Amino acid sequence: MTEIQTLHILNKSPEHPRFARCLSIAGPADTILLIENGVLGLSTASASASGKVLALEPDMAARGIVSQSGTVETVDYDAMVALTARAQQVISW
């Protein structure tokens, strides 16, 4: 299991200033986890993030977003908890 330098948990919609700020700060060794309204920016996040982008599947389902295979990895709640344990630091946006 590889360690994550920083796990960015992003729950803001793409219109919120913190969404763009998070994407600009995340580095190649970081992981961005889109949750809640953050999943609405899947196309934006995957296009402009330098690190790995994941999305919480239950939040995608709640908003009617279908995963496009290969574009973003989806995770469940158990995997979300495991990610926090692997990260050196966690930042919630």
PDB file of N, CA and C in Angstrom:
ATOM      1  N   MET A   1       0.828  -1.175   0.000  1.00  0.00           N
ATOM      2  CA  MET A   1       0.000   0.000   0.000  1.00  0.00           C
ATOM      3  C   MET A   1       0.880   1.249   0.000  1.00  0.00           C
ATOM      4  N   THR A   2       0.726   2.090  -0.986  1.00  0.00           N
ATOM      5  CA  THR A   2       1.530   3.299  -1.050  1.00  0.00           C
ATOM      6  C   THR A   2       0.948   4.378  -0.152  1.00  0.00           C
ATOM      7  N   GLU A   3       1.832   5.196   0.337  1.00  0.00           N
ATOM      8  CA  GLU A   3       1.399   6.276   1.221  1.00  0.00           C
ATOM      9  C   GLU A   3       1.044   7.505   0.405  1.00  0.00           C
ATOM     10  N   ILE A   4       0.055   8.229   0.859  1.00  0.00           N
ATOM     11  CA  ILE A   4      -0.394   9.452   0.207  1.00  0.00           C
ATOM     12  C   ILE A   4       0.190  10.622   0.979  1.00  0.00           C
ATOM     13  N   GLN A   5       0.814  11.557   0.275  1.00  0.00           N
ATOM     14  CA  GLN A   5       1.373  12.718   0.966  1.00  0.00           C
ATOM     15  C   GLN A   5       0.245  13.533   1.603  1.00  0.00           C
ATOM     16  N   THR A   6      -0.718  13.982   0.801  1.00  0.00           N
ATOM     17  CA  THR A   6      -1.856  14.742   1.320  1.00  0.00           C
ATOM     18  C   THR A   6      -3.126  14.234   0.657  1.00  0.00           C
ATOM     19  N   LEU A   7      -4.124  13.945   1.461  1.00  0.00           N
ATOM     20  CA  LEU A   7      -5.448  13.600   0.968  1.00  0.00           C
ATOM     21  C   LEU A   7      -6.303  14.849   1.081  1.00  0.00           C
ATOM     22  N   HIS A   8      -6.755  15.350  -0.051  1.00  0.00           N
ATOM     23  CA  HIS A   8      -7.633  16.518  -0.096  1.00  0.00           C
ATOM     24  C   HIS A   8      -9.064  15.999  -0.236  1.00  0.00           C
ATOM     25  N   ILE A   9      -9.894  16.216   0.772  1.00  0.00           N
ATOM     26  CA  ILE A   9     -11.291  15.812   0.716  1.00  0.00           C
ATOM     27  C   ILE A   9     -12.092  17.049   0.330  1.00  0.00           C
ATOM     28  N   LEU A  10     -12.624  17.024  -0.890  1.00  0.00           N
ATOM     29  CA  LEU A  10     -13.255  18.201  -1.478  1.00  0.00           C
ATOM     30  C   LEU A  10     -14.758  17.995  -1.599  1.00  0.00           C
ATOM     31  N   ASN A  11     -15.521  18.787  -0.838  1.00  0.00           N
ATOM     32  CA  ASN A  11     -16.977  18.656  -0.877  1.00  0.00           C
ATOM     33  C   ASN A  11     -17.662  19.871  -1.493  1.00  0.00           C
ATOM     34  N   LYS A  12     -16.908  20.801  -2.010  1.00  0.00           N
ATOM     35  CA  LYS A  12     -17.478  22.018  -2.603  1.00  0.00           C
ATOM     36  C   LYS A  12     -17.812  21.792  -4.075  1.00  0.00           C
ATOM     37  N   SER A  13     -18.854  22.471  -4.550  1.00  0.00           N
ATOM     38  CA  SER A  13     -19.224  22.386  -5.963  1.00  0.00           C
ATOM     39  C   SER A  13     -18.195  23.146  -6.797  1.00  0.00           C
ATOM     40  N   PRO A  14     -18.141  22.881  -8.100  1.00  0.00           N
ATOM     41  CA  PRO A  14     -17.145  23.549  -8.954  1.00  0.00           C
ATOM     42  C   PRO A  14     -17.259  25.073  -8.971  1.00  0.00           C
ATOM     43  N   GLU A  15     -18.428  25.620  -8.643  1.00  0.00           N
ATOM     44  CA  GLU A  15     -18.605  27.068  -8.629  1.00  0.00           C
ATOM     45  C   GLU A  15     -17.974  27.731  -7.404  1.00  0.00           C
ATOM     46  N   HIS A  16     -17.710  26.948  -6.381  1.00  0.00           N
ATOM     47  CA  HIS A  16     -17.158  27.493  -5.145  1.00  0.00           C
ATOM     48  C   HIS A  16     -15.662  27.772  -5.337  1.00  0.00           C
ATOM     49  N   PRO A  17     -15.147  28.891  -4.825  1.00  0.00           N
ATOM     50  CA  PRO A  17     -13.723  29.217  -4.989  1.00  0.00           C
ATOM     51  C   PRO A  17     -12.772  28.161  -4.432  1.00  0.00           C
ATOM     52  N   ARG A  18     -13.176  27.456  -3.391  1.00  0.00           N
ATOM     53  CA  ARG A  18     -12.286  26.446  -2.805  1.00  0.00           C
ATOM     54  C   ARG A  18     -12.067  25.257  -3.737  1.00  0.00           C
ATOM     55  N   PHE A  19     -13.007  25.003  -4.630  1.00  0.00           N
ATOM     56  CA  PHE A  19     -12.842  23.899  -5.577  1.00  0.00           C
ATOM     57  C   PHE A  19     -11.604  24.144  -6.442  1.00  0.00           C
ATOM     58  N   ALA A  20     -11.540  25.307  -7.074  1.00  0.00           N
ATOM     59  CA  ALA A  20     -10.397  25.646  -7.931  1.00  0.00           C
ATOM     60  C   ALA A  20      -9.114  25.750  -7.119  1.00  0.00           C
ATOM     61  N   ARG A  21      -9.219  26.273  -5.912  1.00  0.00           N
ATOM     62  CA  ARG A  21      -8.031  26.419  -5.054  1.00  0.00           C
ATOM     63  C   ARG A  21      -7.449  25.053  -4.704  1.00  0.00           C
ATOM     64  N   CYS A  22      -8.312  24.115  -4.365  1.00  0.00           N
ATOM     65  CA  CYS A  22      -7.862  22.759  -4.043  1.00  0.00           C
ATOM     66  C   CYS A  22      -7.134  22.134  -5.229  1.00  0.00           C
ATOM     67  N   LEU A  23      -7.725  22.236  -6.406  1.00  0.00           N
ATOM     68  CA  LEU A  23      -7.104  21.653  -7.601  1.00  0.00           C
ATOM     69  C   LEU A  23      -5.756  22.288  -7.898  1.00  0.00           C
ATOM     70  N   SER A  24      -5.623  23.587  -7.635  1.00  0.00           N
ATOM     71  CA  SER A  24      -4.357  24.263  -7.930  1.00  0.00           C
ATOM     72  C   SER A  24      -3.262  23.924  -6.926  1.00  0.00           C
ATOM     73  N   ILE A  25      -3.656  23.561  -5.713  1.00  0.00           N
ATOM     74  CA  ILE A  25      -2.672  23.273  -4.662  1.00  0.00           C
ATOM     75  C   ILE A  25      -2.221  21.811  -4.675  1.00  0.00           C
ATOM     76  N   ALA A  26      -3.094  20.904  -5.040  1.00  0.00           N
ATOM     77  CA  ALA A  26      -2.770  19.471  -4.979  1.00  0.00           C
ATOM     78  C   ALA A  26      -1.596  19.152  -5.900  1.00  0.00           C
ATOM     79  N   GLY A  27      -0.637  18.435  -5.345  1.00  0.00           N
ATOM     80  CA  GLY A  27       0.551  18.057  -6.101  1.00  0.00           C
ATOM     81  C   GLY A  27       0.469  16.639  -6.631  1.00  0.00           C
ATOM     82  N   PRO A  28       1.464  16.217  -7.386  1.00  0.00           N
ATOM     83  CA  PRO A  28       1.448  14.888  -7.997  1.00  0.00           C
ATOM     84  C   PRO A  28       1.455  13.736  -6.988  1.00  0.00           C
ATOM     85  N   ALA A  29       1.942  13.959  -5.779  1.00  0.00           N
ATOM     86  CA  ALA A  29       1.951  12.914  -4.756  1.00  0.00           C
ATOM     87  C   ALA A  29       0.690  12.930  -3.899  1.00  0.00           C
ATOM     88  N   ASP A  30      -0.242  13.840  -4.225  1.00  0.00           N
ATOM     89  CA  ASP A  30      -1.472  13.999  -3.460  1.00  0.00           C
ATOM     90  C   ASP A  30      -2.622  13.244  -4.121  1.00  0.00           C
ATOM     91  N   THR A  31      -3.676  13.062  -3.346  1.00  0.00           N
ATOM     92  CA  THR A  31      -4.913  12.470  -3.844  1.00  0.00           C
ATOM     93  C   THR A  31      -6.055  13.394  -3.491  1.00  0.00           C
ATOM     94  N   ILE A  32      -6.965  13.602  -4.453  1.00  0.00           N
ATOM     95  CA  ILE A  32      -8.166  14.393  -4.222  1.00  0.00           C
ATOM     96  C   ILE A  32      -9.342  13.435  -4.185  1.00  0.00           C
ATOM     97  N   LEU A  33     -10.106  13.501  -3.105  1.00  0.00           N
ATOM     98  CA  LEU A  33     -11.312  12.688  -2.979  1.00  0.00           C
ATOM     99  C   LEU A  33     -12.518  13.617  -3.062  1.00  0.00           C
ATOM    100  N   LEU A  34     -13.298  13.458  -4.120  1.00  0.00           N
ATOM    101  CA  LEU A  34     -14.498  14.269  -4.306  1.00  0.00           C
ATOM    102  C   LEU A  34     -15.655  13.618  -3.566  1.00  0.00           C
ATOM    103  N   ILE A  35     -16.286  14.391  -2.676  1.00  0.00           N
ATOM    104  CA  ILE A  35     -17.441  13.902  -1.929  1.00  0.00           C
ATOM    105  C   ILE A  35     -18.555  14.947  -2.024  1.00  0.00           C
ATOM    106  N   GLU A  36     -19.745  14.568  -1.602  1.00  0.00           N
ATOM    107  CA  GLU A  36     -20.897  15.461  -1.575  1.00  0.00           C
ATOM    108  C   GLU A  36     -21.000  16.207  -2.904  1.00  0.00           C
ATOM    109  N   ASN A  37     -21.120  17.550  -2.898  1.00  0.00           N
ATOM    110  CA  ASN A  37     -21.256  18.300  -4.152  1.00  0.00           C
ATOM    111  C   ASN A  37     -19.963  18.379  -4.951  1.00  0.00           C
ATOM    112  N   GLY A  38     -18.863  17.971  -4.369  1.00  0.00           N
ATOM    113  CA  GLY A  38     -17.604  17.939  -5.108  1.00  0.00           C
ATOM    114  C   GLY A  38     -17.651  17.009  -6.306  1.00  0.00           C
ATOM    115  N   VAL A  39     -18.476  15.950  -6.226  1.00  0.00           N
ATOM    116  CA  VAL A  39     -18.565  15.004  -7.347  1.00  0.00           C
ATOM    117  C   VAL A  39     -19.158  15.655  -8.590  1.00  0.00           C
ATOM    118  N   LEU A  40     -19.818  16.805  -8.434  1.00  0.00           N
ATOM    119  CA  LEU A  40     -20.384  17.503  -9.587  1.00  0.00           C
ATOM    120  C   LEU A  40     -19.293  18.015 -10.521  1.00  0.00           C
ATOM    121  N   GLY A  41     -18.083  18.129 -10.035  1.00  0.00           N
ATOM    122  CA  GLY A  41     -16.981  18.629 -10.847  1.00  0.00           C
ATOM    123  C   GLY A  41     -16.070  17.554 -11.388  1.00  0.00           C
ATOM    124  N   LEU A  42     -16.580  16.354 -11.573  1.00  0.00           N
ATOM    125  CA  LEU A  42     -15.716  15.265 -12.024  1.00  0.00           C
ATOM    126  C   LEU A  42     -14.956  15.602 -13.302  1.00  0.00           C
ATOM    127  N   SER A  43     -15.582  16.158 -14.293  1.00  0.00           N
ATOM    128  CA  SER A  43     -14.873  16.463 -15.535  1.00  0.00           C
ATOM    129  C   SER A  43     -13.838  17.558 -15.312  1.00  0.00           C
ATOM    130  N   THR A  44     -14.152  18.542 -14.499  1.00  0.00           N
ATOM    131  CA  THR A  44     -13.217  19.620 -14.189  1.00  0.00           C
ATOM    132  C   THR A  44     -12.037  19.094 -13.390  1.00  0.00           C
ATOM    133  N   ALA A  45     -12.331  18.299 -12.364  1.00  0.00           N
ATOM    134  CA  ALA A  45     -11.277  17.807 -11.476  1.00  0.00           C
ATOM    135  C   ALA A  45     -10.321  16.883 -12.214  1.00  0.00           C
ATOM    136  N   SER A  46     -10.854  15.963 -13.000  1.00  0.00           N
ATOM    137  CA  SER A  46      -9.977  15.006 -13.669  1.00  0.00           C
ATOM    138  C   SER A  46      -9.135  15.680 -14.744  1.00  0.00           C
ATOM    139  N   ALA A  47      -9.627  16.791 -15.300  1.00  0.00           N
ATOM    140  CA  ALA A  47      -8.896  17.470 -16.364  1.00  0.00           C
ATOM    141  C   ALA A  47      -7.769  18.346 -15.835  1.00  0.00           C
ATOM    142  N   SER A  48      -7.918  18.895 -14.626  1.00  0.00           N
ATOM    143  CA  SER A  48      -6.944  19.890 -14.191  1.00  0.00           C
ATOM    144  C   SER A  48      -6.186  19.558 -12.907  1.00  0.00           C
ATOM    145  N   ALA A  49      -6.347  18.369 -12.383  1.00  0.00           N
ATOM    146  CA  ALA A  49      -5.631  18.004 -11.160  1.00  0.00           C
ATOM    147  C   ALA A  49      -4.333  17.294 -11.524  1.00  0.00           C
ATOM    148  N   SER A  50      -3.269  17.610 -10.783  1.00  0.00           N
ATOM    149  CA  SER A  50      -1.995  16.959 -11.071  1.00  0.00           C
ATOM    150  C   SER A  50      -1.848  15.635 -10.340  1.00  0.00           C
ATOM    151  N   GLY A  51      -2.618  15.431  -9.274  1.00  0.00           N
ATOM    152  CA  GLY A  51      -2.556  14.184  -8.523  1.00  0.00           C
ATOM    153  C   GLY A  51      -3.673  13.237  -8.936  1.00  0.00           C
ATOM    154  N   LYS A  52      -3.859  12.225  -8.142  1.00  0.00           N
ATOM    155  CA  LYS A  52      -4.901  11.237  -8.389  1.00  0.00           C
ATOM    156  C   LYS A  52      -6.253  11.789  -7.915  1.00  0.00           C
ATOM    157  N   VAL A  53      -7.313  11.536  -8.697  1.00  0.00           N
ATOM    158  CA  VAL A  53      -8.656  11.997  -8.353  1.00  0.00           C
ATOM    159  C   VAL A  53      -9.555  10.786  -8.150  1.00  0.00           C
ATOM    160  N   LEU A  54     -10.228  10.750  -7.002  1.00  0.00           N
ATOM    161  CA  LEU A  54     -11.181   9.701  -6.675  1.00  0.00           C
ATOM    162  C   LEU A  54     -12.524  10.355  -6.374  1.00  0.00           C
ATOM    163  N   ALA A  55     -13.595   9.565  -6.448  1.00  0.00           N
ATOM    164  CA  ALA A  55     -14.922  10.087  -6.125  1.00  0.00           C
ATOM    165  C   ALA A  55     -15.669   9.078  -5.267  1.00  0.00           C
ATOM    166  N   LEU A  56     -16.435   9.579  -4.320  1.00  0.00           N
ATOM    167  CA  LEU A  56     -17.228   8.728  -3.433  1.00  0.00           C
ATOM    168  C   LEU A  56     -18.471   8.264  -4.182  1.00  0.00           C
ATOM    169  N   GLU A  57     -18.566   6.965  -4.420  1.00  0.00           N
ATOM    170  CA  GLU A  57     -19.633   6.396  -5.247  1.00  0.00           C
ATOM    171  C   GLU A  57     -21.031   6.680  -4.715  1.00  0.00           C
ATOM    172  N   PRO A  58     -21.293   6.574  -3.405  1.00  0.00           N
ATOM    173  CA  PRO A  58     -22.644   6.885  -2.924  1.00  0.00           C
ATOM    174  C   PRO A  58     -23.073   8.325  -3.220  1.00  0.00           C
ATOM    175  N   ASP A  59     -22.130   9.272  -3.193  1.00  0.00           N
ATOM    176  CA  ASP A  59     -22.463  10.658  -3.512  1.00  0.00           C
ATOM    177  C   ASP A  59     -22.716  10.835  -5.005  1.00  0.00           C
ATOM    178  N   MET A  60     -21.993  10.091  -5.822  1.00  0.00           N
ATOM    179  CA  MET A  60     -22.261  10.124  -7.263  1.00  0.00           C
ATOM    180  C   MET A  60     -23.659   9.587  -7.544  1.00  0.00           C
ATOM    181  N   ALA A  61     -23.994   8.469  -6.930  1.00  0.00           N
ATOM    182  CA  ALA A  61     -25.307   7.861  -7.141  1.00  0.00           C
ATOM    183  C   ALA A  61     -26.422   8.789  -6.672  1.00  0.00           C
ATOM    184  N   ALA A  62     -26.217   9.463  -5.547  1.00  0.00           N
ATOM    185  CA  ALA A  62     -27.233  10.367  -5.012  1.00  0.00           C
ATOM    186  C   ALA A  62     -27.492  11.553  -5.940  1.00  0.00           C
ATOM    187  N   ARG A  63     -26.498  11.901  -6.757  1.00  0.00           N
ATOM    188  CA  ARG A  63     -26.635  13.041  -7.664  1.00  0.00           C
ATOM    189  C   ARG A  63     -26.850  12.607  -9.113  1.00  0.00           C
ATOM    190  N   GLY A  64     -27.050  11.311  -9.317  1.00  0.00           N
ATOM    191  CA  GLY A  64     -27.336  10.798 -10.652  1.00  0.00           C
ATOM    192  C   GLY A  64     -26.152  10.828 -11.596  1.00  0.00           C
ATOM    193  N   ILE A  65     -24.951  10.794 -11.051  1.00  0.00           N
ATOM    194  CA  ILE A  65     -23.751  10.816 -11.884  1.00  0.00           C
ATOM    195  C   ILE A  65     -23.294   9.385 -12.107  1.00  0.00           C
ATOM    196  N   VAL A  66     -23.128   9.035 -13.362  1.00  0.00           N
ATOM    197  CA  VAL A  66     -22.690   7.695 -13.727  1.00  0.00           C
ATOM    198  C   VAL A  66     -21.191   7.746 -13.969  1.00  0.00           C
ATOM    199  N   SER A  67     -20.494   6.777 -13.416  1.00  0.00           N
ATOM    200  CA  SER A  67     -19.047   6.716 -13.579  1.00  0.00           C
ATOM    201  C   SER A  67     -18.696   6.367 -15.018  1.00  0.00           C
ATOM    202  N   GLN A  68     -17.831   7.172 -15.610  1.00  0.00           N
ATOM    203  CA  GLN A  68     -17.296   6.845 -16.924  1.00  0.00           C
ATOM    204  C   GLN A  68     -16.041   6.037 -16.680  1.00  0.00           C
ATOM    205  N   SER A  69     -16.090   4.760 -17.047  1.00  0.00           N
ATOM    206  CA  SER A  69     -14.985   3.862 -16.729  1.00  0.00           C
ATOM    207  C   SER A  69     -13.664   4.411 -17.260  1.00  0.00           C
ATOM    208  N   GLY A  70     -12.661   4.343 -16.403  1.00  0.00           N
ATOM    209  CA  GLY A  70     -11.332   4.774 -16.777  1.00  0.00           C
ATOM    210  C   GLY A  70     -11.029   6.235 -16.489  1.00  0.00           C
ATOM    211  N   THR A  71     -12.044   7.072 -16.303  1.00  0.00           N
ATOM    212  CA  THR A  71     -11.760   8.491 -16.088  1.00  0.00           C
ATOM    213  C   THR A  71     -11.505   8.819 -14.626  1.00  0.00           C
ATOM    214  N   VAL A  72     -12.230   8.172 -13.729  1.00  0.00           N
ATOM    215  CA  VAL A  72     -12.040   8.436 -12.304  1.00  0.00           C
ATOM    216  C   VAL A  72     -12.344   7.159 -11.527  1.00  0.00           C
ATOM    217  N   GLU A  73     -11.553   6.922 -10.518  1.00  0.00           N
ATOM    218  CA  GLU A  73     -11.781   5.752  -9.662  1.00  0.00           C
ATOM    219  C   GLU A  73     -12.821   6.099  -8.611  1.00  0.00           C
ATOM    220  N   THR A  74     -13.775   5.211  -8.410  1.00  0.00           N
ATOM    221  CA  THR A  74     -14.777   5.432  -7.378  1.00  0.00           C
ATOM    222  C   THR A  74     -14.434   4.602  -6.148  1.00  0.00           C
ATOM    223  N   VAL A  75     -14.817   5.105  -4.993  1.00  0.00           N
ATOM    224  CA  VAL A  75     -14.560   4.418  -3.732  1.00  0.00           C
ATOM    225  C   VAL A  75     -15.834   4.423  -2.895  1.00  0.00           C
ATOM    226  N   ASP A  76     -15.911   3.490  -1.952  1.00  0.00           N
ATOM    227  CA  ASP A  76     -17.027   3.451  -1.015  1.00  0.00           C
ATOM    228  C   ASP A  76     -16.548   4.016   0.321  1.00  0.00           C
ATOM    229  N   TYR A  77     -17.413   3.977   1.326  1.00  0.00           N
ATOM    230  CA  TYR A  77     -17.056   4.556   2.628  1.00  0.00           C
ATOM    231  C   TYR A  77     -15.878   3.843   3.285  1.00  0.00           C
ATOM    232  N   ASP A  78     -15.825   2.518   3.171  1.00  0.00           N
ATOM    233  CA  ASP A  78     -14.702   1.783   3.766  1.00  0.00           C
ATOM    234  C   ASP A  78     -13.372   2.200   3.133  1.00  0.00           C
ATOM    235  N   ALA A  79     -13.373   2.360   1.813  1.00  0.00           N
ATOM    236  CA  ALA A  79     -12.151   2.782   1.122  1.00  0.00           C
ATOM    237  C   ALA A  79     -11.774   4.213   1.499  1.00  0.00           C
ATOM    238  N   MET A  80     -12.778   5.050   1.740  1.00  0.00           N
ATOM    239  CA  MET A  80     -12.514   6.430   2.162  1.00  0.00           C
ATOM    240  C   MET A  80     -11.778   6.440   3.504  1.00  0.00           C
ATOM    241  N   VAL A  81     -12.219   5.615   4.414  1.00  0.00           N
ATOM    242  CA  VAL A  81     -11.557   5.523   5.715  1.00  0.00           C
ATOM    243  C   VAL A  81     -10.131   5.015   5.553  1.00  0.00           C
ATOM    244  N   ALA A  82      -9.942   4.029   4.693  1.00  0.00           N
ATOM    245  CA  ALA A  82      -8.598   3.491   4.445  1.00  0.00           C
ATOM    246  C   ALA A  82      -7.683   4.560   3.848  1.00  0.00           C
ATOM    247  N   LEU A  83      -8.211   5.402   2.990  1.00  0.00           N
ATOM    248  CA  LEU A  83      -7.412   6.486   2.410  1.00  0.00           C
ATOM    249  C   LEU A  83      -6.906   7.436   3.485  1.00  0.00           C
ATOM    250  N   THR A  84      -7.767   7.763   4.439  1.00  0.00           N
ATOM    251  CA  THR A  84      -7.349   8.688   5.504  1.00  0.00           C
ATOM    252  C   THR A  84      -6.224   8.083   6.348  1.00  0.00           C
ATOM    253  N   ALA A  85      -6.245   6.784   6.507  1.00  0.00           N
ATOM    254  CA  ALA A  85      -5.205   6.113   7.277  1.00  0.00           C
ATOM    255  C   ALA A  85      -3.865   6.092   6.533  1.00  0.00           C
ATOM    256  N   ARG A  86      -3.909   6.109   5.214  1.00  0.00           N
ATOM    257  CA  ARG A  86      -2.686   6.067   4.386  1.00  0.00           C
ATOM    258  C   ARG A  86      -2.069   7.442   4.188  1.00  0.00           C
ATOM    259  N   ALA A  87      -2.819   8.491   4.482  1.00  0.00           N
ATOM    260  CA  ALA A  87      -2.339   9.852   4.187  1.00  0.00           C
ATOM    261  C   ALA A  87      -1.495  10.413   5.329  1.00  0.00           C
ATOM    262  N   GLN A  88      -0.416  11.106   4.952  1.00  0.00           N
ATOM    263  CA  GLN A  88       0.395  11.790   5.945  1.00  0.00           C
ATOM    264  C   GLN A  88      -0.396  12.945   6.564  1.00  0.00           C
ATOM    265  N   GLN A  89      -1.205  13.617   5.742  1.00  0.00           N
ATOM    266  CA  GLN A  89      -2.067  14.679   6.246  1.00  0.00           C
ATOM    267  C   GLN A  89      -3.363  14.680   5.437  1.00  0.00           C
ATOM    268  N   VAL A  90      -4.418  15.177   6.058  1.00  0.00           N
ATOM    269  CA  VAL A  90      -5.725  15.254   5.413  1.00  0.00           C
ATOM    270  C   VAL A  90      -6.216  16.703   5.506  1.00  0.00           C
ATOM    271  N   ILE A  91      -6.646  17.233   4.364  1.00  0.00           N
ATOM    272  CA  ILE A  91      -7.204  18.583   4.319  1.00  0.00           C
ATOM    273  C   ILE A  91      -8.622  18.473   3.790  1.00  0.00           C
ATOM    274  N   SER A  92      -9.563  19.025   4.533  1.00  0.00           N
ATOM    275  CA  SER A  92     -10.960  19.054   4.091  1.00  0.00           C
ATOM    276  C   SER A  92     -11.262  20.437   3.541  1.00  0.00           C
ATOM    277  N   TRP A  93     -11.827  20.454   2.357  1.00  0.00           N
ATOM    278  CA  TRP A  93     -12.145  21.710   1.689  1.00  0.00           C
ATOM    279  C   TRP A  93     -13.623  21.947   1.739  1.00  0.00           C
TER     280      TRP A  93
END
